[in-house]
Amino acid sequence: MVVGAAAAALMAAERPSAGTERKLEQAIYKEMVLGDLPGAMQEYRNILAQPDRPREVAARALYQISQCQEKLGQRAAAQAGYRRVAAEFADQTVVATLARALANFSGPRNLNFEEGVVGKVPAGWTVPVLPKDPNFSAELRRTGCKRTGACAVVLVSPNSPRPFGTMMQSASADGYRGKTVRLRGWLRVEAARPDDYAQLRLAVDRDGFWDNIDDQPVHSAEWARCDIVRKIDEDARFILIAIISNARGRVWVDDLSFEVVPGR
């Protein structure tokens, strides 16, 4: 999840001292431009360890650690960090407001791909690749979509040892346990080989064991609707939604929805 341009501009108004600000800017550059999430997290922690760091710097550093954790799929740790920012730095109004909203968010987000920057991984989604390579593996698009608006493309690097790529997000299972849900989306494949295909996946984390359900593979260059319906286990902790590419060509995804099925 990347800080939006408007939010970043607002937070820039809370100016720390010049020396610490440079360290914060260097860490943010390492995170957002170089894609070195572990390195950026260490720099943010180094800032937090300084006894004389301004509160506005500490709040932003802690917030960015949570952002990095979310990009790495460490959702529980990220939400704990957001809660800490909201509780300990309430006087830093902009970053505290953003953190509070993210800490309280539990369901899947940005399924319509309206958030994010064109050419980058859509906000709220992650790709399990080396930190410097995510935007070569999935991209937000505003053209070529099934409907007017936005969609996403999942790609596989040409030097990948096998044609497999995925874009995913996890959400808390709170509010869904014991209920039947439906994941629906539209996929199409710009195939590079006859056996290229795409799939929609809904997985449930049951105490560290992921129980996967994949929709039937899509080979078509035309938009095809995919549906997965399943009951969420009572012991579920997290729900994972993923678009799977088993293709050297591009896999397009649009118009995702996730909802509870009444009466099931």
Protein backbone atom coordinates (compact mmCIF):
# COMPACT_ATOMS: atom_id res chain seq x y z
CA MET A 1 0.00 0.00 0.00
CA VAL A 2 1.60 3.30 -1.07
CA VAL A 3 0.88 6.69 0.47
CA GLY A 4 -1.30 8.71 -1.90
CA ALA A 5 0.06 11.92 -3.40
CA ALA A 6 -2.46 14.07 -1.56
CA ALA A 7 -1.68 12.44 1.78
CA ALA A 8 2.05 12.78 1.20
CA ALA A 9 1.63 16.47 0.41
CA LEU A 10 -0.37 17.03 3.57
CA MET A 11 2.18 15.23 5.71
CA ALA A 12 4.97 17.26 4.16
CA ALA A 13 3.50 20.30 5.89
CA GLU A 14 4.57 18.87 9.27
CA ARG A 15 8.25 19.79 8.84
CA PRO A 16 10.86 18.20 11.10
CA SER A 17 14.36 19.53 11.71
CA ALA A 18 16.57 19.48 8.63
CA GLY A 19 19.03 16.75 9.67
CA THR A 20 16.41 14.22 10.75
CA GLU A 21 14.23 15.15 7.80
CA ARG A 22 17.03 14.19 5.41
CA LYS A 23 17.30 10.78 7.07
CA LEU A 24 13.55 10.31 6.79
CA GLU A 25 13.58 11.34 3.13
CA GLN A 26 16.45 8.95 2.43
CA ALA A 27 14.52 6.10 4.04
CA ILE A 28 11.37 6.93 2.07
CA TYR A 29 13.42 7.05 -1.13
CA LYS A 30 14.86 3.62 -0.31
CA GLU A 31 11.35 2.28 0.26
CA MET A 32 9.40 3.83 -2.59
CA VAL A 33 11.98 4.32 -5.35
CA LEU A 34 14.59 1.62 -4.76
CA GLY A 35 12.07 -0.87 -3.37
CA ASP A 36 14.46 -1.93 -0.59
CA LEU A 37 11.84 -2.60 2.08
CA PRO A 38 14.09 -4.31 4.67
CA GLY A 39 16.70 -1.57 4.29
CA ALA A 40 14.10 1.17 4.60
CA MET A 41 12.56 -0.45 7.69
CA GLN A 42 15.98 -0.53 9.36
CA GLU A 43 16.51 3.16 8.61
CA TYR A 44 13.06 4.01 10.02
CA ARG A 45 13.93 2.04 13.17
CA ASN A 46 17.25 3.88 13.45
CA ILE A 47 15.32 7.16 13.37
CA LEU A 48 12.95 5.92 16.08
CA ALA A 49 15.93 4.95 18.25
CA GLN A 50 17.26 8.52 18.30
CA PRO A 51 16.26 10.14 21.63
CA ASP A 52 16.05 13.65 20.18
CA ARG A 53 13.95 12.86 17.08
CA PRO A 54 10.96 15.20 16.65
CA ARG A 55 7.52 13.68 17.20
CA GLU A 56 6.46 14.34 13.63
CA VAL A 57 9.46 12.36 12.38
CA ALA A 58 8.81 9.49 14.80
CA ALA A 59 5.15 9.31 13.77
CA ARG A 60 6.00 9.23 10.07
CA ALA A 61 8.80 6.66 10.55
CA LEU A 62 6.51 4.34 12.50
CA TYR A 63 3.78 4.77 9.89
CA GLN A 64 6.19 3.92 7.08
CA ILE A 65 7.34 0.77 8.88
CA SER A 66 3.71 -0.37 8.83
CA GLN A 67 3.49 0.48 5.14
CA CYS A 68 6.53 -1.70 4.46
CA GLN A 69 5.09 -4.55 6.53
CA GLU A 70 1.85 -4.38 4.58
CA LYS A 71 3.74 -4.54 1.28
CA LEU A 72 5.54 -7.63 2.58
CA GLY A 73 2.22 -9.27 3.47
CA GLN A 74 2.72 -8.87 7.23
CA ARG A 75 -0.78 -7.53 7.74
CA ALA A 76 -1.15 -8.22 11.47
CA ALA A 77 2.12 -6.46 12.29
CA ALA A 78 1.19 -3.55 10.02
CA GLN A 79 -2.17 -3.04 11.70
CA ALA A 80 -0.53 -3.14 15.13
CA GLY A 81 1.82 -0.39 13.96
CA TYR A 82 -1.05 1.72 12.63
CA ARG A 83 -2.82 1.41 15.99
CA ARG A 84 0.34 2.52 17.77
CA VAL A 85 0.66 5.60 15.54
CA ALA A 86 -2.98 6.54 16.17
CA ALA A 87 -2.63 6.05 19.94
CA GLU A 88 0.80 7.56 20.61
CA PHE A 89 0.88 10.34 18.01
CA ALA A 90 -2.68 11.65 17.95
CA ASP A 91 -1.28 15.21 17.91
CA GLN A 92 0.20 14.53 14.45
CA THR A 93 -3.21 14.86 12.89
CA VAL A 94 -2.59 13.92 9.25
CA VAL A 95 -0.55 10.77 9.76
CA ALA A 96 -2.65 9.74 12.78
CA THR A 97 -5.86 10.03 10.75
CA LEU A 98 -4.41 7.87 7.95
CA ALA A 99 -3.13 5.30 10.45
CA ARG A 100 -6.47 5.14 12.28
CA ALA A 101 -8.33 4.43 9.04
CA LEU A 102 -5.91 1.66 8.05
CA ALA A 103 -5.89 0.11 11.53
CA ASN A 104 -9.67 -0.24 11.46
CA PHE A 105 -9.83 -1.65 7.95
CA SER A 106 -10.38 -5.41 7.91
CA GLY A 107 -12.01 -6.42 4.62
CA PRO A 108 -10.56 -6.62 1.11
CA ARG A 109 -9.84 -3.23 -0.44
CA ASN A 110 -9.37 -1.63 -3.83
CA LEU A 111 -11.05 -4.49 -5.67
CA ASN A 112 -12.10 -2.03 -8.37
CA PHE A 113 -8.49 -0.80 -8.77
CA GLU A 114 -9.51 2.85 -8.45
CA GLU A 115 -6.66 3.54 -5.99
CA GLY A 116 -3.05 3.75 -7.08
CA VAL A 117 -0.71 5.03 -9.78
CA VAL A 118 -0.83 3.84 -13.38
CA GLY A 119 2.10 1.53 -14.13
CA LYS A 120 2.57 0.60 -10.46
CA VAL A 121 1.19 -2.24 -8.34
CA PRO A 122 -2.38 -1.20 -7.36
CA ALA A 123 -2.77 0.14 -3.82
CA GLY A 124 -3.62 -2.56 -1.30
CA TRP A 125 -2.14 -5.34 -3.44
CA THR A 126 1.26 -7.06 -3.25
CA VAL A 127 3.36 -9.25 -5.52
CA PRO A 128 5.72 -11.86 -3.99
CA VAL A 129 8.90 -10.88 -5.83
CA LEU A 130 12.17 -9.21 -4.94
CA PRO A 131 11.41 -5.77 -3.44
CA LYS A 132 12.97 -3.86 -6.35
CA ASP A 133 10.88 -5.70 -8.96
CA PRO A 134 7.17 -5.40 -7.98
CA ASN A 135 6.17 -2.95 -10.71
CA PHE A 136 7.52 -5.33 -13.34
CA SER A 137 5.09 -7.98 -12.07
CA ALA A 138 1.76 -6.12 -11.84
CA GLU A 139 0.50 -2.77 -13.06
CA LEU A 140 -2.54 -0.57 -12.65
CA ARG A 141 -4.12 0.34 -16.00
CA ARG A 142 -6.71 2.92 -17.03
CA THR A 143 -7.13 1.70 -20.60
CA GLY A 144 -7.97 -1.68 -22.10
CA CYS A 145 -10.28 -2.51 -19.20
CA LYS A 146 -13.54 -4.39 -19.40
CA ARG A 147 -15.45 -1.43 -18.03
CA THR A 148 -14.73 2.28 -17.90
CA GLY A 149 -12.40 3.00 -14.99
CA ALA A 150 -9.42 0.91 -13.98
CA CYS A 151 -8.08 -2.62 -14.05
CA ALA A 152 -4.80 -4.43 -13.50
CA VAL A 153 -2.35 -6.56 -15.44
CA VAL A 154 -0.30 -9.41 -13.94
CA LEU A 155 3.00 -10.02 -15.69
CA VAL A 156 5.79 -12.59 -15.55
CA SER A 157 9.39 -11.45 -15.89
CA PRO A 158 11.01 -12.67 -19.14
CA ASN A 159 13.92 -14.13 -17.12
CA SER A 160 11.65 -15.98 -14.69
CA PRO A 161 12.54 -19.70 -14.54
CA ARG A 162 8.88 -20.63 -15.00
CA PRO A 163 5.80 -18.78 -16.26
CA PHE A 164 4.18 -18.01 -12.91
CA GLY A 165 3.15 -14.72 -11.37
CA THR A 166 0.59 -13.54 -8.87
CA MET A 167 -0.93 -10.41 -7.39
CA MET A 168 -2.58 -10.81 -4.00
CA GLN A 169 -3.93 -9.24 -0.84
CA SER A 170 -4.93 -10.58 2.55
CA ALA A 171 -7.72 -9.47 4.86
CA SER A 172 -8.85 -10.38 8.34
CA ALA A 173 -11.40 -13.21 8.52
CA ASP A 174 -13.24 -11.32 11.27
CA GLY A 175 -16.84 -10.87 10.20
CA TYR A 176 -16.69 -13.72 7.66
CA ARG A 177 -16.21 -16.83 9.81
CA GLY A 178 -19.03 -19.33 9.38
CA LYS A 179 -20.42 -17.40 6.41
CA THR A 180 -20.47 -18.28 2.73
CA VAL A 181 -18.74 -15.74 0.52
CA ARG A 182 -18.43 -15.20 -3.21
CA LEU A 183 -15.32 -13.93 -4.97
CA ARG A 184 -16.10 -12.82 -8.51
CA GLY A 185 -13.94 -11.24 -11.17
CA TRP A 186 -13.28 -10.98 -14.88
CA LEU A 187 -10.07 -12.30 -16.44
CA ARG A 188 -8.56 -12.48 -19.89
CA VAL A 189 -5.19 -13.63 -21.23
CA GLU A 190 -3.00 -12.12 -23.93
CA ALA A 191 -1.38 -15.47 -24.53
CA ALA A 192 2.21 -15.85 -25.67
CA ARG A 193 1.91 -19.66 -25.80
CA PRO A 194 -1.05 -22.04 -26.33
CA ASP A 195 -0.92 -23.31 -22.74
CA ASP A 196 -0.98 -19.85 -21.10
CA TYR A 197 -3.81 -19.43 -18.59
CA ALA A 198 -5.02 -17.40 -15.60
CA GLN A 199 -6.94 -18.24 -12.44
CA LEU A 200 -8.75 -16.53 -9.60
CA ARG A 201 -7.84 -17.83 -6.10
CA LEU A 202 -9.53 -17.59 -2.72
CA ALA A 203 -7.51 -18.99 0.17
CA VAL A 204 -8.14 -19.20 3.91
CA ASP A 205 -5.41 -19.20 6.56
CA ARG A 206 -6.28 -21.75 9.25
CA ASP A 207 -3.53 -21.41 11.87
CA GLY A 208 -0.75 -21.23 9.30
CA PHE A 209 -2.27 -23.74 6.85
CA TRP A 210 -3.54 -22.17 3.63
CA ASP A 211 -6.60 -23.89 2.18
CA ASN A 212 -6.71 -22.85 -1.49
CA ILE A 213 -9.58 -22.86 -3.95
CA ASP A 214 -8.78 -21.95 -7.56
CA ASP A 215 -11.35 -21.15 -10.19
CA GLN A 216 -11.32 -22.96 -13.52
CA PRO A 217 -8.43 -21.75 -15.71
CA VAL A 218 -9.08 -18.99 -18.23
CA HIS A 219 -7.33 -19.26 -21.61
CA SER A 220 -9.47 -16.79 -23.55
CA ALA A 221 -8.36 -13.44 -24.95
CA GLU A 222 -11.95 -12.34 -24.32
CA TRP A 223 -13.14 -11.33 -20.86
CA ALA A 224 -14.39 -14.36 -18.91
CA ARG A 225 -16.24 -14.24 -15.58
CA CYS A 226 -14.86 -16.31 -12.70
CA ASP A 227 -16.72 -17.18 -9.50
CA ILE A 228 -15.54 -18.87 -6.32
CA VAL A 229 -18.10 -19.61 -3.61
CA ARG A 230 -17.05 -21.13 -0.30
CA LYS A 231 -17.83 -21.16 3.39
CA ILE A 232 -15.23 -19.50 5.59
CA ASP A 233 -14.06 -21.85 8.32
CA GLU A 234 -14.76 -21.02 11.96
CA ASP A 235 -11.04 -21.16 12.75
CA ALA A 236 -10.02 -18.93 9.82
CA ARG A 237 -7.60 -16.12 10.62
CA PHE A 238 -7.02 -14.45 7.27
CA ILE A 239 -8.53 -14.52 3.79
CA LEU A 240 -6.30 -14.24 0.74
CA ILE A 241 -7.46 -13.12 -2.70
CA ALA A 242 -5.11 -13.67 -5.61
CA ILE A 243 -4.91 -13.48 -9.38
CA ILE A 244 -2.67 -16.26 -10.69
CA SER A 245 -0.81 -16.02 -13.99
CA ASN A 246 0.52 -19.20 -15.54
CA ALA A 247 1.41 -17.34 -18.68
CA ARG A 248 4.25 -15.68 -20.52
CA GLY A 249 1.69 -13.25 -21.87
CA ARG A 250 -0.28 -10.64 -19.91
CA VAL A 251 -3.15 -11.55 -17.61
CA TRP A 252 -5.80 -8.84 -17.21
CA VAL A 253 -8.20 -8.60 -14.24
CA ASP A 254 -11.16 -6.28 -13.75
CA ASP A 255 -14.35 -5.76 -11.76
CA LEU A 256 -13.54 -7.89 -8.71
CA SER A 257 -16.11 -8.25 -5.93
CA PHE A 258 -16.15 -10.06 -2.59
CA GLU A 259 -19.42 -10.45 -0.73
CA VAL A 260 -21.33 -12.59 1.74
CA VAL A 261 -23.93 -14.80 0.06
CA PRO A 262 -27.27 -14.39 1.87
CA GLY A 263 -28.92 -17.53 3.21
CA ARG A 264 -25.91 -19.81 2.67
